[in-house]
PDB file of N, CA and C in Angstrom:
ATOM      1  N   MET A   1     -59.675 -28.149 -35.314  1.00  0.00           N
ATOM      2  CA  MET A   1     -58.314 -28.635 -35.222  1.00  0.00           C
ATOM      3  C   MET A   1     -57.439 -27.556 -34.617  1.00  0.00           C
ATOM      4  N   SER A   2     -56.643 -27.999 -33.716  1.00  0.00           N
ATOM      5  CA  SER A   2     -55.756 -27.069 -33.039  1.00  0.00           C
ATOM      6  C   SER A   2     -54.308 -27.455 -33.342  1.00  0.00           C
ATOM      7  N   TYR A   3     -53.548 -26.496 -33.846  1.00  0.00           N
ATOM      8  CA  TYR A   3     -52.142 -26.761 -34.148  1.00  0.00           C
ATOM      9  C   TYR A   3     -51.236 -26.485 -32.952  1.00  0.00           C
ATOM     10  N   PHE A   4     -51.744 -25.911 -31.923  1.00  0.00           N
ATOM     11  CA  PHE A   4     -50.952 -25.535 -30.740  1.00  0.00           C
ATOM     12  C   PHE A   4     -51.287 -26.465 -29.601  1.00  0.00           C
ATOM     13  N   GLN A   5     -50.255 -27.101 -29.074  1.00  0.00           N
ATOM     14  CA  GLN A   5     -50.461 -27.953 -27.912  1.00  0.00           C
ATOM     15  C   GLN A   5     -50.029 -27.173 -26.674  1.00  0.00           C
ATOM     16  N   SER A   6     -50.851 -27.163 -25.683  1.00  0.00           N
ATOM     17  CA  SER A   6     -50.502 -26.457 -24.461  1.00  0.00           C
ATOM     18  C   SER A   6     -49.503 -27.283 -23.650  1.00  0.00           C
ATOM     19  N   PHE A   7     -48.895 -26.622 -22.662  1.00  0.00           N
ATOM     20  CA  PHE A   7     -47.891 -27.281 -21.818  1.00  0.00           C
ATOM     21  C   PHE A   7     -48.512 -28.413 -21.005  1.00  0.00           C
ATOM     22  N   SER A   8     -49.781 -28.277 -20.682  1.00  0.00           N
ATOM     23  CA  SER A   8     -50.432 -29.280 -19.849  1.00  0.00           C
ATOM     24  C   SER A   8     -50.675 -30.596 -20.584  1.00  0.00           C
ATOM     25  N   SER A   9     -50.681 -30.574 -21.897  1.00  0.00           N
ATOM     26  CA  SER A   9     -50.972 -31.795 -22.627  1.00  0.00           C
ATOM     27  C   SER A   9     -49.716 -32.548 -23.053  1.00  0.00           C
ATOM     28  N   ARG A  10     -48.515 -32.129 -22.628  1.00  0.00           N
ATOM     29  CA  ARG A  10     -47.275 -32.774 -23.059  1.00  0.00           C
ATOM     30  C   ARG A  10     -46.963 -34.024 -22.265  1.00  0.00           C
ATOM     31  N   GLY A  11     -47.386 -34.121 -21.059  1.00  0.00           N
ATOM     32  CA  GLY A  11     -47.059 -35.282 -20.266  1.00  0.00           C
ATOM     33  C   GLY A  11     -47.795 -35.266 -18.948  1.00  0.00           C
ATOM     34  N   PRO A  12     -47.508 -36.253 -18.131  1.00  0.00           N
ATOM     35  CA  PRO A  12     -48.177 -36.289 -16.833  1.00  0.00           C
ATOM     36  C   PRO A  12     -47.732 -35.140 -15.930  1.00  0.00           C
ATOM     37  N   TRP A  13     -48.465 -34.951 -14.851  1.00  0.00           N
ATOM     38  CA  TRP A  13     -48.214 -33.808 -13.966  1.00  0.00           C
ATOM     39  C   TRP A  13     -46.860 -33.880 -13.301  1.00  0.00           C
ATOM     40  N   TRP A  14     -46.348 -35.070 -12.991  1.00  0.00           N
ATOM     41  CA  TRP A  14     -45.054 -35.181 -12.298  1.00  0.00           C
ATOM     42  C   TRP A  14     -43.892 -34.849 -13.219  1.00  0.00           C
ATOM     43  N   VAL A  15     -44.040 -35.046 -14.535  1.00  0.00           N
ATOM     44  CA  VAL A  15     -42.980 -34.662 -15.485  1.00  0.00           C
ATOM     45  C   VAL A  15     -42.903 -33.153 -15.581  1.00  0.00           C
ATOM     46  N   ARG A  16     -44.072 -32.508 -15.624  1.00  0.00           N
ATOM     47  CA  ARG A  16     -44.081 -31.041 -15.659  1.00  0.00           C
ATOM     48  C   ARG A  16     -43.513 -30.460 -14.376  1.00  0.00           C
ATOM     49  N   LEU A  17     -43.885 -31.055 -13.232  1.00  0.00           N
ATOM     50  CA  LEU A  17     -43.360 -30.591 -11.948  1.00  0.00           C
ATOM     51  C   LEU A  17     -41.851 -30.781 -11.878  1.00  0.00           C
ATOM     52  N   LEU A  18     -41.378 -31.923 -12.351  1.00  0.00           N
ATOM     53  CA  LEU A  18     -39.941 -32.188 -12.357  1.00  0.00           C
ATOM     54  C   LEU A  18     -39.199 -31.206 -13.258  1.00  0.00           C
ATOM     55  N   ALA A  19     -39.761 -30.894 -14.420  1.00  0.00           N
ATOM     56  CA  ALA A  19     -39.136 -29.943 -15.341  1.00  0.00           C
ATOM     57  C   ALA A  19     -39.061 -28.547 -14.714  1.00  0.00           C
ATOM     58  N   VAL A  20     -40.138 -28.137 -14.059  1.00  0.00           N
ATOM     59  CA  VAL A  20     -40.141 -26.827 -13.410  1.00  0.00           C
ATOM     60  C   VAL A  20     -39.140 -26.797 -12.264  1.00  0.00           C
ATOM     61  N   MET A  21     -39.073 -27.855 -11.464  1.00  0.00           N
ATOM     62  CA  MET A  21     -38.124 -27.890 -10.336  1.00  0.00           C
ATOM     63  C   MET A  21     -36.677 -27.882 -10.818  1.00  0.00           C
ATOM     64  N   VAL A  22     -36.366 -28.651 -11.856  1.00  0.00           N
ATOM     65  CA  VAL A  22     -34.999 -28.681 -12.383  1.00  0.00           C
ATOM     66  C   VAL A  22     -34.617 -27.324 -12.956  1.00  0.00           C
ATOM     67  N   SER A  23     -35.545 -26.702 -13.672  1.00  0.00           N
ATOM     68  CA  SER A  23     -35.235 -25.378 -14.226  1.00  0.00           C
ATOM     69  C   SER A  23     -35.052 -24.340 -13.120  1.00  0.00           C
ATOM     70  N   MET A  24     -35.830 -24.424 -12.046  1.00  0.00           N
ATOM     71  CA  MET A  24     -35.647 -23.489 -10.931  1.00  0.00           C
ATOM     72  C   MET A  24     -34.315 -23.719 -10.225  1.00  0.00           C
ATOM     73  N   ILE A  25     -33.943 -24.988 -10.055  1.00  0.00           N
ATOM     74  CA  ILE A  25     -32.645 -25.289  -9.428  1.00  0.00           C
ATOM     75  C   ILE A  25     -31.507 -24.758 -10.283  1.00  0.00           C
ATOM     76  N   LEU A  26     -31.600 -24.937 -11.586  1.00  0.00           N
ATOM     77  CA  LEU A  26     -30.566 -24.413 -12.476  1.00  0.00           C
ATOM     78  C   LEU A  26     -30.502 -22.893 -12.443  1.00  0.00           C
ATOM     79  N   LEU A  27     -31.645 -22.245 -12.386  1.00  0.00           N
ATOM     80  CA  LEU A  27     -31.689 -20.786 -12.325  1.00  0.00           C
ATOM     81  C   LEU A  27     -31.075 -20.259 -11.024  1.00  0.00           C
ATOM     82  N   VAL A  28     -31.443 -20.872  -9.904  1.00  0.00           N
ATOM     83  CA  VAL A  28     -30.876 -20.467  -8.612  1.00  0.00           C
ATOM     84  C   VAL A  28     -29.377 -20.750  -8.578  1.00  0.00           C
ATOM     85  N   GLY A  29     -28.966 -21.882  -9.120  1.00  0.00           N
ATOM     86  CA  GLY A  29     -27.535 -22.195  -9.189  1.00  0.00           C
ATOM     87  C   GLY A  29     -26.770 -21.193 -10.037  1.00  0.00           C
ATOM     88  N   LEU A  30     -27.368 -20.754 -11.128  1.00  0.00           N
ATOM     89  CA  LEU A  30     -26.736 -19.744 -11.975  1.00  0.00           C
ATOM     90  C   LEU A  30     -26.562 -18.434 -11.212  1.00  0.00           C
ATOM     91  N   PHE A  31     -27.581 -18.028 -10.454  1.00  0.00           N
ATOM     92  CA  PHE A  31     -27.463 -16.799  -9.668  1.00  0.00           C
ATOM     93  C   PHE A  31     -26.387 -16.925  -8.591  1.00  0.00           C
ATOM     94  N   PHE A  32     -26.336 -18.071  -7.914  1.00  0.00           N
ATOM     95  CA  PHE A  32     -25.296 -18.250  -6.896  1.00  0.00           C
ATOM     96  C   PHE A  32     -23.912 -18.252  -7.522  1.00  0.00           C
ATOM     97  N   PHE A  33     -23.757 -18.874  -8.678  1.00  0.00           N
ATOM     98  CA  PHE A  33     -22.466 -18.873  -9.352  1.00  0.00           C
ATOM     99  C   PHE A  33     -22.068 -17.466  -9.769  1.00  0.00           C
ATOM    100  N   ALA A  34     -23.040 -16.695 -10.265  1.00  0.00           N
ATOM    101  CA  ALA A  34     -22.740 -15.320 -10.669  1.00  0.00           C
ATOM    102  C   ALA A  34     -22.318 -14.480  -9.461  1.00  0.00           C
ATOM    103  N   ILE A  35     -23.008 -14.640  -8.349  1.00  0.00           N
ATOM    104  CA  ILE A  35     -22.648 -13.893  -7.139  1.00  0.00           C
ATOM    105  C   ILE A  35     -21.263 -14.322  -6.652  1.00  0.00           C
ATOM    106  N   PHE A  36     -20.986 -15.618  -6.654  1.00  0.00           N
ATOM    107  CA  PHE A  36     -19.673 -16.117  -6.247  1.00  0.00           C
ATOM    108  C   PHE A  36     -18.578 -15.578  -7.166  1.00  0.00           C
ATOM    109  N   ALA A  37     -18.827 -15.551  -8.469  1.00  0.00           N
ATOM    110  CA  ALA A  37     -17.832 -15.042  -9.412  1.00  0.00           C
ATOM    111  C   ALA A  37     -17.579 -13.552  -9.184  1.00  0.00           C
ATOM    112  N   ILE A  38     -18.619 -12.781  -8.919  1.00  0.00           N
ATOM    113  CA  ILE A  38     -18.447 -11.342  -8.664  1.00  0.00           C
ATOM    114  C   ILE A  38     -17.640 -11.121  -7.392  1.00  0.00           C
ATOM    115  N   ILE A  39     -17.944 -11.878  -6.348  1.00  0.00           N
ATOM    116  CA  ILE A  39     -17.191 -11.740  -5.090  1.00  0.00           C
ATOM    117  C   ILE A  39     -15.739 -12.154  -5.288  1.00  0.00           C
ATOM    118  N   ALA A  40     -15.494 -13.231  -6.030  1.00  0.00           N
ATOM    119  CA  ALA A  40     -14.120 -13.689  -6.265  1.00  0.00           C
ATOM    120  C   ALA A  40     -13.321 -12.640  -7.044  1.00  0.00           C
ATOM    121  N   VAL A  41     -13.915 -12.069  -8.074  1.00  0.00           N
ATOM    122  CA  VAL A  41     -13.224 -11.038  -8.859  1.00  0.00           C
ATOM    123  C   VAL A  41     -12.963  -9.805  -7.994  1.00  0.00           C
ATOM    124  N   ALA A  42     -13.896  -9.439  -7.143  1.00  0.00           N
ATOM    125  CA  ALA A  42     -13.700  -8.283  -6.258  1.00  0.00           C
ATOM    126  C   ALA A  42     -12.573  -8.543  -5.267  1.00  0.00           C
ATOM    127  N   LEU A  43     -12.513  -9.749  -4.706  1.00  0.00           N
ATOM    128  CA  LEU A  43     -11.437 -10.069  -3.759  1.00  0.00           C
ATOM    129  C   LEU A  43     -10.071 -10.084  -4.445  1.00  0.00           C
ATOM    130  N   ILE A  44     -10.000 -10.650  -5.627  1.00  0.00           N
ATOM    131  CA  ILE A  44      -8.729 -10.685  -6.352  1.00  0.00           C
ATOM    132  C   ILE A  44      -8.296  -9.267  -6.722  1.00  0.00           C
ATOM    133  N   GLY A  45      -9.234  -8.445  -7.160  1.00  0.00           N
ATOM    134  CA  GLY A  45      -8.907  -7.056  -7.491  1.00  0.00           C
ATOM    135  C   GLY A  45      -8.464  -6.267  -6.270  1.00  0.00           C
ATOM    136  N   ALA A  46      -9.143  -6.469  -5.147  1.00  0.00           N
ATOM    137  CA  ALA A  46      -8.779  -5.746  -3.921  1.00  0.00           C
ATOM    138  C   ALA A  46      -7.404  -6.185  -3.426  1.00  0.00           C
ATOM    139  N   SER A  47      -7.114  -7.476  -3.495  1.00  0.00           N
ATOM    140  CA  SER A  47      -5.794  -7.933  -3.049  1.00  0.00           C
ATOM    141  C   SER A  47      -4.706  -7.430  -3.982  1.00  0.00           C
ATOM    142  N   GLY A  48      -4.975  -7.360  -5.277  1.00  0.00           N
ATOM    143  CA  GLY A  48      -3.997  -6.802  -6.213  1.00  0.00           C
ATOM    144  C   GLY A  48      -3.738  -5.333  -5.951  1.00  0.00           C
ATOM    145  N   MET A  49      -4.788  -4.573  -5.689  1.00  0.00           N
ATOM    146  CA  MET A  49      -4.606  -3.151  -5.384  1.00  0.00           C
ATOM    147  C   MET A  49      -3.855  -2.960  -4.067  1.00  0.00           C
ATOM    148  N   LEU A  50      -4.149  -3.808  -3.083  1.00  0.00           N
ATOM    149  CA  LEU A  50      -3.430  -3.738  -1.812  1.00  0.00           C
ATOM    150  C   LEU A  50      -1.951  -4.056  -2.013  1.00  0.00           C
ATOM    151  N   PHE A  51      -1.637  -5.035  -2.837  1.00  0.00           N
ATOM    152  CA  PHE A  51      -0.245  -5.378  -3.122  1.00  0.00           C
ATOM    153  C   PHE A  51       0.472  -4.221  -3.815  1.00  0.00           C
ATOM    154  N   LEU A  52      -0.174  -3.606  -4.803  1.00  0.00           N
ATOM    155  CA  LEU A  52       0.458  -2.470  -5.492  1.00  0.00           C
ATOM    156  C   LEU A  52       0.657  -1.291  -4.548  1.00  0.00           C
ATOM    157  N   TRP A  53      -0.320  -1.031  -3.680  1.00  0.00           N
ATOM    158  CA  TRP A  53      -0.165   0.055  -2.707  1.00  0.00           C
ATOM    159  C   TRP A  53       1.008  -0.225  -1.784  1.00  0.00           C
ATOM    160  N   TRP A  54       1.144  -1.464  -1.330  1.00  0.00           N
ATOM    161  CA  TRP A  54       2.223  -1.825  -0.411  1.00  0.00           C
ATOM    162  C   TRP A  54       3.581  -1.677  -1.093  1.00  0.00           C
ATOM    163  N   GLN A  55       3.688  -2.091  -2.346  1.00  0.00           N
ATOM    164  CA  GLN A  55       4.954  -1.967  -3.065  1.00  0.00           C
ATOM    165  C   GLN A  55       5.319  -0.500  -3.284  1.00  0.00           C
ATOM    166  N   ARG A  56       4.333   0.321  -3.646  1.00  0.00           N
ATOM    167  CA  ARG A  56       4.607   1.742  -3.829  1.00  0.00           C
ATOM    168  C   ARG A  56       5.012   2.394  -2.512  1.00  0.00           C
ATOM    169  N   ARG A  57       4.375   1.998  -1.415  1.00  0.00           N
ATOM    170  CA  ARG A  57       4.715   2.534  -0.091  1.00  0.00           C
ATOM    171  C   ARG A  57       6.136   2.148   0.291  1.00  0.00           C
ATOM    172  N   LYS A  58       6.497   0.891   0.012  1.00  0.00           N
ATOM    173  CA  LYS A  58       7.845   0.430   0.316  1.00  0.00           C
ATOM    174  C   LYS A  58       8.885   1.196  -0.508  1.00  0.00           C
ATOM    175  N   MET A  59       8.561   1.469  -1.764  1.00  0.00           N
ATOM    176  CA  MET A  59       9.494   2.211  -2.612  1.00  0.00           C
ATOM    177  C   MET A  59       9.654   3.647  -2.123  1.00  0.00           C
ATOM    178  N   ARG A  60       8.546   4.284  -1.714  1.00  0.00           N
ATOM    179  CA  ARG A  60       8.636   5.656  -1.206  1.00  0.00           C
ATOM    180  C   ARG A  60       9.451   5.722   0.074  1.00  0.00           C
ATOM    181  N   LYS A  61       9.262   4.755   0.967  1.00  0.00           N
ATOM    182  CA  LYS A  61      10.020   4.747   2.220  1.00  0.00           C
ATOM    183  C   LYS A  61      11.481   4.414   1.961  1.00  0.00           C
ATOM    184  N   GLY A  62      11.753   3.580   0.970  1.00  0.00           N
ATOM    185  CA  GLY A  62      13.117   3.148   0.694  1.00  0.00           C
ATOM    186  C   GLY A  62      13.963   4.182  -0.022  1.00  0.00           C
ATOM    187  N   MET A  63      13.334   5.207  -0.600  1.00  0.00           N
ATOM    188  CA  MET A  63      14.109   6.213  -1.326  1.00  0.00           C
ATOM    189  C   MET A  63      15.012   7.004  -0.387  1.00  0.00           C
ATOM    190  N   HIS A  64      14.623   7.208   0.840  1.00  0.00           N
ATOM    191  CA  HIS A  64      15.369   8.061   1.753  1.00  0.00           C
ATOM    192  C   HIS A  64      16.321   7.282   2.651  1.00  0.00           C
ATOM    193  N   THR A  65      16.337   5.989   2.572  1.00  0.00           N
ATOM    194  CA  THR A  65      17.159   5.210   3.486  1.00  0.00           C
ATOM    195  C   THR A  65      18.487   4.773   2.885  1.00  0.00           C
ATOM    196  N   ASP A  66      18.733   5.000   1.592  1.00  0.00           N
ATOM    197  CA  ASP A  66      19.975   4.529   1.013  1.00  0.00           C
ATOM    198  C   ASP A  66      21.094   5.562   1.098  1.00  0.00           C
ATOM    199  N   ILE A  67      20.855   6.750   1.647  1.00  0.00           N
ATOM    200  CA  ILE A  67      21.881   7.772   1.816  1.00  0.00           C
ATOM    201  C   ILE A  67      22.387   7.684   3.251  1.00  0.00           C
ATOM    202  N   VAL A  68      23.701   7.461   3.394  1.00  0.00           N
ATOM    203  CA  VAL A  68      24.290   7.319   4.726  1.00  0.00           C
ATOM    204  C   VAL A  68      25.124   8.567   4.992  1.00  0.00           C
ATOM    205  N   VAL A  69      24.836   9.261   6.072  1.00  0.00           N
ATOM    206  CA  VAL A  69      25.590  10.446   6.468  1.00  0.00           C
ATOM    207  C   VAL A  69      26.337  10.083   7.739  1.00  0.00           C
ATOM    208  N   THR A  70      27.680  10.188   7.681  1.00  0.00           N
ATOM    209  CA  THR A  70      28.502   9.851   8.841  1.00  0.00           C
ATOM    210  C   THR A  70      29.832  10.586   8.757  1.00  0.00           C
ATOM    211  N   ASP A  71      30.620  10.511   9.820  1.00  0.00           N
ATOM    212  CA  ASP A  71      31.959  11.099   9.808  1.00  0.00           C
ATOM    213  C   ASP A  71      32.916  10.150   9.106  1.00  0.00           C
ATOM    214  N   TYR A  72      33.913  10.719   8.505  1.00  0.00           N
ATOM    215  CA  TYR A  72      34.903   9.879   7.835  1.00  0.00           C
ATOM    216  C   TYR A  72      36.271  10.515   7.996  1.00  0.00           C
ATOM    217  N   ARG A  73      37.305   9.751   7.742  1.00  0.00           N
ATOM    218  CA  ARG A  73      38.666  10.287   7.721  1.00  0.00           C
ATOM    219  C   ARG A  73      39.391   9.696   6.536  1.00  0.00           C
ATOM    220  N   GLU A  74      40.353  10.456   6.038  1.00  0.00           N
ATOM    221  CA  GLU A  74      41.102  10.017   4.864  1.00  0.00           C
ATOM    222  C   GLU A  74      42.267   9.155   5.300  1.00  0.00           C
ATOM    223  N   ILE A  75      42.477   8.104   4.597  1.00  0.00           N
ATOM    224  CA  ILE A  75      43.597   7.220   4.870  1.00  0.00           C
ATOM    225  C   ILE A  75      44.512   7.269   3.656  1.00  0.00           C
ATOM    226  N   HIS A  76      45.773   7.736   3.911  1.00  0.00           N
ATOM    227  CA  HIS A  76      46.753   7.827   2.818  1.00  0.00           C
ATOM    228  C   HIS A  76      47.689   6.629   2.882  1.00  0.00           C
ATOM    229  N   PRO A  77      48.189   6.205   1.724  1.00  0.00           N
ATOM    230  CA  PRO A  77      49.147   5.104   1.753  1.00  0.00           C
ATOM    231  C   PRO A  77      50.439   5.548   2.441  1.00  0.00           C
ATOM    232  N   PRO A  78      51.085   4.656   3.136  1.00  0.00           N
ATOM    233  CA  PRO A  78      52.329   5.057   3.828  1.00  0.00           C
ATOM    234  C   PRO A  78      53.446   5.363   2.825  1.00  0.00           C
ATOM    235  N   ARG A  79      54.284   6.348   3.185  1.00  0.00           N
ATOM    236  CA  ARG A  79      55.441   6.724   2.367  1.00  0.00           C
ATOM    237  C   ARG A  79      56.726   6.336   3.105  1.00  0.00           C
ATOM    238  N   PRO A  80      57.742   6.065   2.342  1.00  0.00           N
ATOM    239  CA  PRO A  80      59.038   5.850   3.016  1.00  0.00           C
ATOM    240  C   PRO A  80      59.472   7.138   3.727  1.00  0.00           C
ATOM    241  N   PRO A  81      60.191   7.041   4.831  1.00  0.00           N
ATOM    242  CA  PRO A  81      60.488   8.248   5.625  1.00  0.00           C
ATOM    243  C   PRO A  81      61.349   9.276   4.900  1.00  0.00           C
ATOM    244  N   PHE A  82      62.241   8.875   4.016  1.00  0.00           N
ATOM    245  CA  PHE A  82      63.143   9.840   3.389  1.00  0.00           C
ATOM    246  C   PHE A  82      62.804  10.068   1.920  1.00  0.00           C
ATOM    247  N   ASP A  83      61.580   9.776   1.558  1.00  0.00           N
ATOM    248  CA  ASP A  83      61.158   9.989   0.173  1.00  0.00           C
ATOM    249  C   ASP A  83      60.704  11.433   0.053  1.00  0.00           C
ATOM    250  N   ASN A  84      61.509  12.253  -0.593  1.00  0.00           N
ATOM    251  CA  ASN A  84      61.215  13.667  -0.719  1.00  0.00           C
ATOM    252  C   ASN A  84      60.743  13.929  -2.151  1.00  0.00           C
ATOM    253  N   THR A  85      59.501  13.660  -2.413  1.00  0.00           N
ATOM    254  CA  THR A  85      58.997  13.849  -3.761  1.00  0.00           C
ATOM    255  C   THR A  85      58.530  15.287  -3.963  1.00  0.00           C
ATOM    256  N   ARG A  86      58.284  16.015  -2.898  1.00  0.00           N
ATOM    257  CA  ARG A  86      57.870  17.407  -3.035  1.00  0.00           C
ATOM    258  C   ARG A  86      59.094  18.300  -3.023  1.00  0.00           C
ATOM    259  N   ARG A  87      59.202  19.241  -3.917  1.00  0.00           N
ATOM    260  CA  ARG A  87      60.351  20.174  -3.950  1.00  0.00           C
ATOM    261  C   ARG A  87      59.894  21.573  -3.988  1.00  0.00           C
TER     262      ARG A  87
END
């Protein structure tokens, strides 16, 4: 008496072939999904780092552009002609 049934005695040959093919398709699909997920995460991370670099670059360039150096003249309010406030 044998308590162990081998894989060959479970069903006809086409059921075993179908089971092996489905499991291989699932395994290959899992690998493709894993590769796709790794590439997607890498692209999202690279674009995020590029965005942060661009923002930091813009901030560094913008620090020196808000100071305006130019000539100026003082404008005093007009006084009445005979107002002698200085003594």
